[in-house]
Structures are given as C-alpha cells and as structure tokens.
Amino acid sequence: MDETYNYREVQGRIFDIQRYSIHDGPGIRTIVFLKGCVLRCLWCCNPESQEFGIQTMTVAGEKKVIGEDTTAGRVLDIVERDRPYYRRSGGGLTLSGGESLCQPEFAKALLYGAKMRGINTAMESMGCAKYEVIEELLPYLDDYLLDIKHTDPQKHKRFTGRENNLMLENAARIAQSGMTRLSIRVPVVPTFNDTVQEIAAIAAFAGRLKNVYRLHLLPYHRLGQDKYEGLGREYRMKDILPPAGEKMELLLRTAREASGLECQIGG
C-alpha cells in the first residue's frame, strides 16, 4: 500500500450510514451508502440513491435532506467506532448505494483507509463501470457482492434502463482475477426474472465463473415504496407481490442444480 496516499481528505457524497448490520457481507457490518447510480431498476428500494444530486424527500410528513458531502476520513472515523464488533464477528465496512463505482475515487479511499486500519471490506455493486475502474479497487476489497439480475440484455434494459453486457463481462474478469472473494447476488423480482428458466440461466452463468464463493437469491420486497411518494415519483411495481416462500425454495433448488455452487435465500 502507498502510505503517502492521503485517503482521509478524499471527498464524496453519501446518503446514509447504517451500523450493526448483519447483511451485505460477513459478520456485523457498517454499511456506507454512496449517492449516485447508473441504473433505474423499477423495484429499487433506495430511489433516493439514484440521483447524485442532493435531494429533499418527505419522510413521515417532514422534509428531509438526502445527501451529505463528506470525506473518507470522517466516514471511517464513524466506521471505526464498532471495531470490537468487527473483531468478534469477522465483520467490517461495506460500501453500497446506489452504485459505489459512480464515485470511484471516494470508494477507493474508503476501502484503502479501512484496510490501513485493519478493517474487513466489502462492496455491493452491479459492476457497471469500465473494468479499469473496478481493477483499481480490487486490491483493497475482501468481498465483492456482485449483482447479476438477468442474462437477457433486452429484458435487463426494460427493467433497469441499461443492457447488461458490460456487467456480465466484468463479472467474468473479476472472477478471473482471483483478487477478492466473489459472491453473486440475484434480486428475484416477479415479472422480471422469477421463472425457473431465468434463474437457471443466471445460476449457470455464475457456475461457469471462477472463484465464486456463494450465490444469494434476494426476494423482491416493497419496503422502499413510500420513498417514491416522498420523492414525488410513481412506484411502478406497486401491483407486484413478493415471491412466495414455496416459489423461493423452488428457485433455490434450481440455482443449486444449475450452478453447482453453495446457494442461499437472502444475505
């Protein structure tokens, strides 16, 4: 590591810091949510993350400013408060969003600074950036939690706003690098990718990648629906119900058979 790198002063924009999380990586974690995303997934539970700009959202009848400019040093000082929990549980820092790769220098500073402090690192990401951007982060990343939503580029575009060719190419290159523990995460969304055939195709793709640790099926939920109203936006999935438990179990068996990987619901 370059100890002359002044990571503390690198600036970025966040919209939340969630402590004591048991999701998005091993152990007890602090999740830092970065603002900005290149996709517009119809089911997104963090619509306030999509725009990089600072916004106002109505929450419980009151106006709330969404977005804060800060430095990597200030964020990591908050992350470090829970070091005893990380040490006991194997947890650490997770970057989320939005898409962390939309703020690559800030993401690098956070990951670098965490590693300098001996804190485990993870990043939840769609891998939607030039590979050279991702490659800059890999040396400081213990766990890459990579979303793969579909194998069909046109259906991916209809539901997210962009085709997925670049993301699938990056998944193969990240796996090939062997520089980070790679987990594949699949949001299971009715009308988008919840058929046996679609999950089998995603799982088979994941099974062909090298160095994949685990495949997670994440059931669609509507917990972020009120945020759309608070932002003055329409929630276009309001008539879509979460998948039933029996359906998720069927898709879990499908994923295991198609991928040969360790698979689980949630995580």
C-alpha atoms as a PDB file:
ATOM      1  CA  MET A   1       0.000   0.000   0.000  1.00  0.00           C
ATOM      2  CA  ASP A   2       1.104   3.542  -0.743  1.00  0.00           C
ATOM      3  CA  GLU A   3       1.381   5.097   2.708  1.00  0.00           C
ATOM      4  CA  THR A   4       1.785   8.557   1.121  1.00  0.00           C
ATOM      5  CA  TYR A   5      -1.787   8.392  -0.189  1.00  0.00           C
ATOM      6  CA  ASN A   6      -3.846  10.940   1.764  1.00  0.00           C
ATOM      7  CA  TYR A   7      -7.098   8.987   1.706  1.00  0.00           C
ATOM      8  CA  ARG A   8      -8.595  10.944   4.600  1.00  0.00           C
ATOM      9  CA  GLU A   9      -9.145  14.104   2.533  1.00  0.00           C
ATOM     10  CA  VAL A  10     -10.803  12.465  -0.486  1.00  0.00           C
ATOM     11  CA  GLN A  11     -14.330  13.858  -0.776  1.00  0.00           C
ATOM     12  CA  GLY A  12     -17.554  12.095  -1.701  1.00  0.00           C
ATOM     13  CA  ARG A  13     -21.307  12.155  -1.248  1.00  0.00           C
ATOM     14  CA  ILE A  14     -23.270   9.707   0.916  1.00  0.00           C
ATOM     15  CA  PHE A  15     -26.908   9.474   1.979  1.00  0.00           C
ATOM     16  CA  ASP A  16     -26.736   7.123   4.951  1.00  0.00           C
ATOM     17  CA  ILE A  17     -24.510   5.126   7.277  1.00  0.00           C
ATOM     18  CA  GLN A  18     -26.109   2.030   8.776  1.00  0.00           C
ATOM     19  CA  ARG A  19     -24.382   0.466  11.758  1.00  0.00           C
ATOM     20  CA  TYR A  20     -24.829  -3.009  13.268  1.00  0.00           C
ATOM     21  CA  SER A  21     -25.958  -4.652  10.033  1.00  0.00           C
ATOM     22  CA  ILE A  22     -25.784  -8.429   9.668  1.00  0.00           C
ATOM     23  CA  HIS A  23     -26.301  -8.362   5.912  1.00  0.00           C
ATOM     24  CA  ASP A  24     -24.148  -7.360   2.930  1.00  0.00           C
ATOM     25  CA  GLY A  25     -21.026  -9.208   3.968  1.00  0.00           C
ATOM     26  CA  PRO A  26     -19.775 -11.421   6.796  1.00  0.00           C
ATOM     27  CA  GLY A  27     -20.260 -10.598  10.451  1.00  0.00           C
ATOM     28  CA  ILE A  28     -21.536  -7.339  11.917  1.00  0.00           C
ATOM     29  CA  ARG A  29     -21.010  -4.522   9.452  1.00  0.00           C
ATOM     30  CA  THR A  30     -21.273  -0.792   8.960  1.00  0.00           C
ATOM     31  CA  ILE A  31     -22.804   0.000   5.572  1.00  0.00           C
ATOM     32  CA  VAL A  32     -21.950   3.287   3.904  1.00  0.00           C
ATOM     33  CA  PHE A  33     -24.460   4.245   1.207  1.00  0.00           C
ATOM     34  CA  LEU A  34     -22.977   6.313  -1.629  1.00  0.00           C
ATOM     35  CA  LYS A  35     -25.139   8.557  -3.763  1.00  0.00           C
ATOM     36  CA  GLY A  36     -25.499   8.037  -7.500  1.00  0.00           C
ATOM     37  CA  CYS A  37     -26.387   5.118  -9.771  1.00  0.00           C
ATOM     38  CA  VAL A  38     -26.280   4.382 -13.491  1.00  0.00           C
ATOM     39  CA  LEU A  39     -29.342   2.107 -13.398  1.00  0.00           C
ATOM     40  CA  ARG A  40     -33.005   2.852 -12.756  1.00  0.00           C
ATOM     41  CA  CYS A  41     -34.286  -0.517 -11.566  1.00  0.00           C
ATOM     42  CA  LEU A  42     -38.073  -0.417 -11.300  1.00  0.00           C
ATOM     43  CA  TRP A  43     -38.008  -2.193  -7.920  1.00  0.00           C
ATOM     44  CA  CYS A  44     -35.169  -0.169  -6.375  1.00  0.00           C
ATOM     45  CA  CYS A  45     -35.679   0.111  -2.596  1.00  0.00           C
ATOM     46  CA  ASN A  46     -33.324   3.097  -2.362  1.00  0.00           C
ATOM     47  CA  PRO A  47     -34.647   5.517  -5.014  1.00  0.00           C
ATOM     48  CA  GLU A  48     -33.002   8.374  -3.114  1.00  0.00           C
ATOM     49  CA  SER A  49     -29.681   6.812  -4.094  1.00  0.00           C
ATOM     50  CA  GLN A  50     -30.186   7.086  -7.838  1.00  0.00           C
ATOM     51  CA  GLU A  51     -29.526  10.793  -8.341  1.00  0.00           C
ATOM     52  CA  PHE A  52     -26.072  12.033  -7.373  1.00  0.00           C
ATOM     53  CA  GLY A  53     -27.541  15.428  -6.534  1.00  0.00           C
ATOM     54  CA  ILE A  54     -28.685  16.321  -3.032  1.00  0.00           C
ATOM     55  CA  GLN A  55     -32.478  15.955  -2.782  1.00  0.00           C
ATOM     56  CA  THR A  56     -35.378  16.636  -0.446  1.00  0.00           C
ATOM     57  CA  MET A  57     -37.618  13.716   0.460  1.00  0.00           C
ATOM     58  CA  THR A  58     -40.738  13.710   2.601  1.00  0.00           C
ATOM     59  CA  VAL A  59     -40.350  11.195   5.429  1.00  0.00           C
ATOM     60  CA  ALA A  60     -43.192  10.695   7.935  1.00  0.00           C
ATOM     61  CA  GLY A  61     -44.688  14.010   6.856  1.00  0.00           C
ATOM     62  CA  GLU A  62     -41.482  16.005   7.261  1.00  0.00           C
ATOM     63  CA  LYS A  63     -38.968  17.212   4.704  1.00  0.00           C
ATOM     64  CA  LYS A  64     -35.562  15.522   4.925  1.00  0.00           C
ATOM     65  CA  VAL A  65     -32.397  16.441   3.034  1.00  0.00           C
ATOM     66  CA  ILE A  66     -30.959  13.379   1.301  1.00  0.00           C
ATOM     67  CA  GLY A  67     -27.256  13.589   0.592  1.00  0.00           C
ATOM     68  CA  GLU A  68     -24.224  14.788   2.501  1.00  0.00           C
ATOM     69  CA  ASP A  69     -20.793  15.816   1.280  1.00  0.00           C
ATOM     70  CA  THR A  70     -18.058  14.416   3.483  1.00  0.00           C
ATOM     71  CA  THR A  71     -14.544  12.988   3.462  1.00  0.00           C
ATOM     72  CA  ALA A  72     -13.291   9.429   3.644  1.00  0.00           C
ATOM     73  CA  GLY A  73     -11.581  10.233   6.911  1.00  0.00           C
ATOM     74  CA  ARG A  74     -14.765  11.408   8.606  1.00  0.00           C
ATOM     75  CA  VAL A  75     -16.693   8.368   7.391  1.00  0.00           C
ATOM     76  CA  LEU A  76     -14.004   5.939   8.525  1.00  0.00           C
ATOM     77  CA  ASP A  77     -13.856   7.546  11.950  1.00  0.00           C
ATOM     78  CA  ILE A  78     -17.534   6.542  12.303  1.00  0.00           C
ATOM     79  CA  VAL A  79     -16.872   3.062  10.908  1.00  0.00           C
ATOM     80  CA  GLU A  80     -14.034   2.517  13.366  1.00  0.00           C
ATOM     81  CA  ARG A  81     -16.299   3.052  16.393  1.00  0.00           C
ATOM     82  CA  ASP A  82     -17.539  -0.514  16.041  1.00  0.00           C
ATOM     83  CA  ARG A  83     -14.160  -2.206  15.666  1.00  0.00           C
ATOM     84  CA  PRO A  84     -14.818  -4.543  18.669  1.00  0.00           C
ATOM     85  CA  TYR A  85     -17.901  -5.933  16.883  1.00  0.00           C
ATOM     86  CA  TYR A  86     -15.934  -6.485  13.679  1.00  0.00           C
ATOM     87  CA  ARG A  87     -13.162  -8.282  15.548  1.00  0.00           C
ATOM     88  CA  ARG A  88     -15.559 -10.678  17.297  1.00  0.00           C
ATOM     89  CA  SER A  89     -17.802 -11.382  14.294  1.00  0.00           C
ATOM     90  CA  GLY A  90     -15.479 -11.083  11.307  1.00  0.00           C
ATOM     91  CA  GLY A  91     -17.395  -8.017  10.128  1.00  0.00           C
ATOM     92  CA  GLY A  92     -16.305  -4.655   8.796  1.00  0.00           C
ATOM     93  CA  LEU A  93     -17.149  -1.970   6.243  1.00  0.00           C
ATOM     94  CA  THR A  94     -19.496  -2.464   3.287  1.00  0.00           C
ATOM     95  CA  LEU A  95     -19.961   0.104   0.525  1.00  0.00           C
ATOM     96  CA  SER A  96     -23.419   0.233  -1.020  1.00  0.00           C
ATOM     97  CA  GLY A  97     -25.659   2.712  -2.777  1.00  0.00           C
ATOM     98  CA  GLY A  98     -26.627   3.466  -5.424  1.00  0.00           C
ATOM     99  CA  GLU A  99     -23.611   2.158  -7.251  1.00  0.00           C
ATOM    100  CA  SER A 100     -20.310   2.730  -5.480  1.00  0.00           C
ATOM    101  CA  LEU A 101     -18.459   2.736  -8.805  1.00  0.00           C
ATOM    102  CA  CYS A 102     -20.113   6.062  -9.653  1.00  0.00           C
ATOM    103  CA  GLN A 103     -17.720   7.616  -7.098  1.00  0.00           C
ATOM    104  CA  PRO A 104     -14.582   5.552  -7.763  1.00  0.00           C
ATOM    105  CA  GLU A 105     -12.027   7.797  -6.056  1.00  0.00           C
ATOM    106  CA  PHE A 106     -14.135   8.089  -2.924  1.00  0.00           C
ATOM    107  CA  ALA A 107     -14.809   4.347  -2.909  1.00  0.00           C
ATOM    108  CA  LYS A 108     -11.097   3.637  -3.280  1.00  0.00           C
ATOM    109  CA  ALA A 109     -10.249   5.998  -0.420  1.00  0.00           C
ATOM    110  CA  LEU A 110     -12.783   4.340   1.886  1.00  0.00           C
ATOM    111  CA  LEU A 111     -11.614   0.823   1.058  1.00  0.00           C
ATOM    112  CA  TYR A 112      -7.927   1.762   1.228  1.00  0.00           C
ATOM    113  CA  GLY A 113      -8.389   3.551   4.539  1.00  0.00           C
ATOM    114  CA  ALA A 114     -10.302   0.631   6.025  1.00  0.00           C
ATOM    115  CA  LYS A 115      -7.548  -1.797   5.027  1.00  0.00           C
ATOM    116  CA  MET A 116      -4.927   0.529   6.510  1.00  0.00           C
ATOM    117  CA  ARG A 117      -6.897   0.356   9.779  1.00  0.00           C
ATOM    118  CA  GLY A 118      -7.189  -3.430   9.655  1.00  0.00           C
ATOM    119  CA  ILE A 119     -10.934  -3.454   8.906  1.00  0.00           C
ATOM    120  CA  ASN A 120     -12.518  -6.040   6.607  1.00  0.00           C
ATOM    121  CA  THR A 121     -14.007  -4.555   3.424  1.00  0.00           C
ATOM    122  CA  ALA A 122     -16.891  -5.435   1.127  1.00  0.00           C
ATOM    123  CA  MET A 123     -18.714  -3.699  -1.719  1.00  0.00           C
ATOM    124  CA  GLU A 124     -22.226  -4.320  -3.038  1.00  0.00           C
ATOM    125  CA  SER A 125     -22.177  -3.378  -6.719  1.00  0.00           C
ATOM    126  CA  MET A 126     -23.590  -4.072 -10.166  1.00  0.00           C
ATOM    127  CA  GLY A 127     -20.132  -3.877 -11.730  1.00  0.00           C
ATOM    128  CA  CYS A 128     -21.406  -1.255 -14.165  1.00  0.00           C
ATOM    129  CA  ALA A 129     -18.229   0.661 -14.990  1.00  0.00           C
ATOM    130  CA  LYS A 130     -15.095   0.252 -17.074  1.00  0.00           C
ATOM    131  CA  TYR A 131     -13.095  -2.680 -15.770  1.00  0.00           C
ATOM    132  CA  GLU A 132     -10.115  -0.391 -15.217  1.00  0.00           C
ATOM    133  CA  VAL A 133     -12.197   1.431 -12.579  1.00  0.00           C
ATOM    134  CA  ILE A 134     -13.038  -1.828 -10.818  1.00  0.00           C
ATOM    135  CA  GLU A 135      -9.450  -3.040 -11.038  1.00  0.00           C
ATOM    136  CA  GLU A 136      -8.289  -0.023  -9.007  1.00  0.00           C
ATOM    137  CA  LEU A 137     -10.477  -1.132  -6.083  1.00  0.00           C
ATOM    138  CA  LEU A 138      -9.812  -4.878  -6.052  1.00  0.00           C
ATOM    139  CA  PRO A 139      -6.540  -4.767  -4.045  1.00  0.00           C
ATOM    140  CA  TYR A 140      -8.446  -3.216  -1.123  1.00  0.00           C
ATOM    141  CA  LEU A 141     -11.567  -5.384  -1.307  1.00  0.00           C
ATOM    142  CA  ASP A 142     -12.084  -8.582   0.708  1.00  0.00           C
ATOM    143  CA  ASP A 143     -15.603  -9.357  -0.577  1.00  0.00           C
ATOM    144  CA  TYR A 144     -17.248  -8.306  -3.841  1.00  0.00           C
ATOM    145  CA  LEU A 145     -21.037  -8.730  -3.629  1.00  0.00           C
ATOM    146  CA  LEU A 146     -21.906  -8.599  -7.313  1.00  0.00           C
ATOM    147  CA  ASP A 147     -25.486  -8.227  -8.528  1.00  0.00           C
ATOM    148  CA  ILE A 148     -26.449 -10.212 -11.612  1.00  0.00           C
ATOM    149  CA  LYS A 149     -30.071  -9.516 -12.414  1.00  0.00           C
ATOM    150  CA  HIS A 150     -30.630 -11.258 -15.753  1.00  0.00           C
ATOM    151  CA  THR A 151     -28.833 -12.846 -18.696  1.00  0.00           C
ATOM    152  CA  ASP A 152     -31.072 -11.295 -21.384  1.00  0.00           C
ATOM    153  CA  PRO A 153     -29.718  -7.810 -22.225  1.00  0.00           C
ATOM    154  CA  GLN A 154     -33.001  -6.525 -23.664  1.00  0.00           C
ATOM    155  CA  LYS A 155     -35.140  -7.578 -20.716  1.00  0.00           C
ATOM    156  CA  HIS A 156     -32.474  -6.178 -18.418  1.00  0.00           C
ATOM    157  CA  LYS A 157     -32.760  -2.855 -20.224  1.00  0.00           C
ATOM    158  CA  ARG A 158     -36.571  -2.773 -19.985  1.00  0.00           C
ATOM    159  CA  PHE A 159     -36.482  -3.126 -16.211  1.00  0.00           C
ATOM    160  CA  THR A 160     -33.268  -1.256 -15.322  1.00  0.00           C
ATOM    161  CA  GLY A 161     -32.672   1.228 -18.128  1.00  0.00           C
ATOM    162  CA  ARG A 162     -29.453  -0.385 -19.440  1.00  0.00           C
ATOM    163  CA  GLU A 163     -28.300  -3.574 -21.092  1.00  0.00           C
ATOM    164  CA  ASN A 164     -26.091  -5.867 -19.032  1.00  0.00           C
ATOM    165  CA  ASN A 165     -23.318  -6.873 -21.433  1.00  0.00           C
ATOM    166  CA  LEU A 166     -20.665  -4.806 -19.655  1.00  0.00           C
ATOM    167  CA  MET A 167     -21.722  -6.128 -16.242  1.00  0.00           C
ATOM    168  CA  LEU A 168     -21.515  -9.753 -17.339  1.00  0.00           C
ATOM    169  CA  GLU A 169     -18.109  -9.148 -18.918  1.00  0.00           C
ATOM    170  CA  ASN A 170     -16.891  -7.534 -15.720  1.00  0.00           C
ATOM    171  CA  ALA A 171     -18.214 -10.429 -13.632  1.00  0.00           C
ATOM    172  CA  ALA A 172     -16.017 -12.817 -15.616  1.00  0.00           C
ATOM    173  CA  ARG A 173     -12.970 -10.559 -15.282  1.00  0.00           C
ATOM    174  CA  ILE A 174     -13.451 -10.024 -11.541  1.00  0.00           C
ATOM    175  CA  ALA A 175     -13.786 -13.771 -11.043  1.00  0.00           C
ATOM    176  CA  GLN A 176     -10.740 -14.454 -13.215  1.00  0.00           C
ATOM    177  CA  SER A 177      -8.615 -12.004 -11.228  1.00  0.00           C
ATOM    178  CA  GLY A 178      -8.940 -14.038  -8.032  1.00  0.00           C
ATOM    179  CA  MET A 179      -8.230 -10.835  -6.087  1.00  0.00           C
ATOM    180  CA  THR A 180     -11.393 -10.829  -3.978  1.00  0.00           C
ATOM    181  CA  ARG A 181     -13.937 -13.290  -2.647  1.00  0.00           C
ATOM    182  CA  LEU A 182     -16.811 -13.061  -5.108  1.00  0.00           C
ATOM    183  CA  SER A 183     -20.457 -13.638  -4.207  1.00  0.00           C
ATOM    184  CA  ILE A 184     -23.227 -13.410  -6.798  1.00  0.00           C
ATOM    185  CA  ARG A 185     -26.480 -11.789  -5.666  1.00  0.00           C
ATOM    186  CA  VAL A 186     -29.700 -12.131  -7.649  1.00  0.00           C
ATOM    187  CA  PRO A 187     -32.715  -9.951  -6.786  1.00  0.00           C
ATOM    188  CA  VAL A 188     -35.671 -12.221  -7.533  1.00  0.00           C
ATOM    189  CA  VAL A 189     -38.349  -9.953  -8.992  1.00  0.00           C
ATOM    190  CA  PRO A 190     -41.714 -11.253 -10.249  1.00  0.00           C
ATOM    191  CA  THR A 191     -42.399 -10.440 -13.933  1.00  0.00           C
ATOM    192  CA  PHE A 192     -38.673  -9.767 -14.406  1.00  0.00           C
ATOM    193  CA  ASN A 193     -36.600 -12.849 -13.573  1.00  0.00           C
ATOM    194  CA  ASP A 194     -38.560 -15.211 -11.311  1.00  0.00           C
ATOM    195  CA  THR A 195     -39.095 -18.143 -13.662  1.00  0.00           C
ATOM    196  CA  VAL A 196     -37.194 -21.403 -13.298  1.00  0.00           C
ATOM    197  CA  GLN A 197     -35.677 -20.848 -16.740  1.00  0.00           C
ATOM    198  CA  GLU A 198     -34.417 -17.353 -15.925  1.00  0.00           C
ATOM    199  CA  ILE A 199     -32.931 -18.285 -12.552  1.00  0.00           C
ATOM    200  CA  ALA A 200     -31.343 -21.386 -14.111  1.00  0.00           C
ATOM    201  CA  ALA A 201     -29.693 -19.231 -16.780  1.00  0.00           C
ATOM    202  CA  ILE A 202     -28.288 -16.797 -14.213  1.00  0.00           C
ATOM    203  CA  ALA A 203     -27.110 -19.642 -11.971  1.00  0.00           C
ATOM    204  CA  ALA A 204     -25.466 -21.472 -14.875  1.00  0.00           C
ATOM    205  CA  PHE A 205     -23.600 -18.281 -15.778  1.00  0.00           C
ATOM    206  CA  ALA A 206     -22.449 -17.910 -12.166  1.00  0.00           C
ATOM    207  CA  GLY A 207     -21.391 -21.550 -12.082  1.00  0.00           C
ATOM    208  CA  ARG A 208     -19.075 -21.010 -15.044  1.00  0.00           C
ATOM    209  CA  LEU A 209     -17.220 -18.218 -13.260  1.00  0.00           C
ATOM    210  CA  LYS A 210     -14.062 -18.953 -11.312  1.00  0.00           C
ATOM    211  CA  ASN A 211     -13.640 -18.311  -7.607  1.00  0.00           C
ATOM    212  CA  VAL A 212     -17.325 -17.748  -6.781  1.00  0.00           C
ATOM    213  CA  TYR A 213     -17.924 -18.181  -3.057  1.00  0.00           C
ATOM    214  CA  ARG A 214     -21.717 -18.251  -2.922  1.00  0.00           C
ATOM    215  CA  LEU A 215     -24.901 -17.382  -4.830  1.00  0.00           C
ATOM    216  CA  HIS A 216     -27.636 -15.447  -2.999  1.00  0.00           C
ATOM    217  CA  LEU A 217     -31.272 -15.204  -4.090  1.00  0.00           C
ATOM    218  CA  LEU A 218     -32.756 -11.992  -2.688  1.00  0.00           C
ATOM    219  CA  PRO A 219     -36.586 -11.955  -2.693  1.00  0.00           C
ATOM    220  CA  TYR A 220     -38.223  -8.796  -4.011  1.00  0.00           C
ATOM    221  CA  HIS A 221     -39.891  -6.643  -1.361  1.00  0.00           C
ATOM    222  CA  ARG A 222     -41.759  -3.327  -1.301  1.00  0.00           C
ATOM    223  CA  LEU A 223     -40.125  -1.764   1.752  1.00  0.00           C
ATOM    224  CA  GLY A 224     -38.963   1.263  -0.233  1.00  0.00           C
ATOM    225  CA  GLN A 225     -42.344   2.045  -1.803  1.00  0.00           C
ATOM    226  CA  ASP A 226     -43.103   5.024   0.458  1.00  0.00           C
ATOM    227  CA  LYS A 227     -39.844   6.663  -0.563  1.00  0.00           C
ATOM    228  CA  TYR A 228     -41.138   7.129  -4.100  1.00  0.00           C
ATOM    229  CA  GLU A 229     -44.102   9.096  -2.826  1.00  0.00           C
ATOM    230  CA  GLY A 230     -41.734  11.111  -0.642  1.00  0.00           C
ATOM    231  CA  LEU A 231     -39.709  11.986  -3.739  1.00  0.00           C
ATOM    232  CA  GLY A 232     -42.816  12.793  -5.797  1.00  0.00           C
ATOM    233  CA  ARG A 233     -42.277   9.757  -8.013  1.00  0.00           C
ATOM    234  CA  GLU A 234     -44.510   6.911  -9.096  1.00  0.00           C
ATOM    235  CA  TYR A 235     -43.688   3.423  -7.835  1.00  0.00           C
ATOM    236  CA  ARG A 236     -44.295   1.358 -10.949  1.00  0.00           C
ATOM    237  CA  MET A 237     -44.164  -2.045  -9.185  1.00  0.00           C
ATOM    238  CA  LYS A 238     -46.974  -1.351  -6.722  1.00  0.00           C
ATOM    239  CA  ASP A 239     -49.112  -4.205  -8.034  1.00  0.00           C
ATOM    240  CA  ILE A 240     -46.306  -6.770  -7.844  1.00  0.00           C
ATOM    241  CA  LEU A 241     -46.355  -9.064  -4.813  1.00  0.00           C
ATOM    242  CA  PRO A 242     -43.199 -10.530  -3.231  1.00  0.00           C
ATOM    243  CA  PRO A 243     -42.490 -14.131  -4.267  1.00  0.00           C
ATOM    244  CA  ALA A 244     -43.989 -16.790  -2.008  1.00  0.00           C
ATOM    245  CA  GLY A 245     -41.762 -18.926   0.185  1.00  0.00           C
ATOM    246  CA  GLU A 246     -42.552 -22.062  -1.838  1.00  0.00           C
ATOM    247  CA  LYS A 247     -41.537 -20.275  -5.028  1.00  0.00           C
ATOM    248  CA  MET A 248     -38.237 -19.163  -3.485  1.00  0.00           C
ATOM    249  CA  GLU A 249     -37.480 -22.712  -2.355  1.00  0.00           C
ATOM    250  CA  LEU A 250     -38.107 -23.967  -5.894  1.00  0.00           C
ATOM    251  CA  LEU A 251     -35.799 -21.313  -7.321  1.00  0.00           C
ATOM    252  CA  LEU A 252     -33.171 -22.139  -4.699  1.00  0.00           C
ATOM    253  CA  ARG A 253     -33.162 -25.790  -5.779  1.00  0.00           C
ATOM    254  CA  THR A 254     -32.979 -24.627  -9.393  1.00  0.00           C
ATOM    255  CA  ALA A 255     -29.988 -22.382  -8.662  1.00  0.00           C
ATOM    256  CA  ARG A 256     -28.128 -25.161  -6.853  1.00  0.00           C
ATOM    257  CA  GLU A 257     -28.668 -27.643  -9.659  1.00  0.00           C
ATOM    258  CA  ALA A 258     -27.767 -25.201 -12.433  1.00  0.00           C
ATOM    259  CA  SER A 259     -24.687 -23.691 -10.767  1.00  0.00           C
ATOM    260  CA  GLY A 260     -23.165 -26.374  -8.560  1.00  0.00           C
ATOM    261  CA  LEU A 261     -22.470 -23.555  -6.098  1.00  0.00           C
ATOM    262  CA  GLU A 262     -23.401 -23.057  -2.488  1.00  0.00           C
ATOM    263  CA  CYS A 263     -26.680 -21.109  -2.678  1.00  0.00           C
ATOM    264  CA  GLN A 264     -28.944 -19.454  -0.136  1.00  0.00           C
ATOM    265  CA  ILE A 265     -32.018 -17.248   0.157  1.00  0.00           C
ATOM    266  CA  GLY A 266     -31.170 -13.804   1.487  1.00  0.00           C
ATOM    267  CA  GLY A 267     -27.866 -12.466   2.708  1.00  0.00           C
END
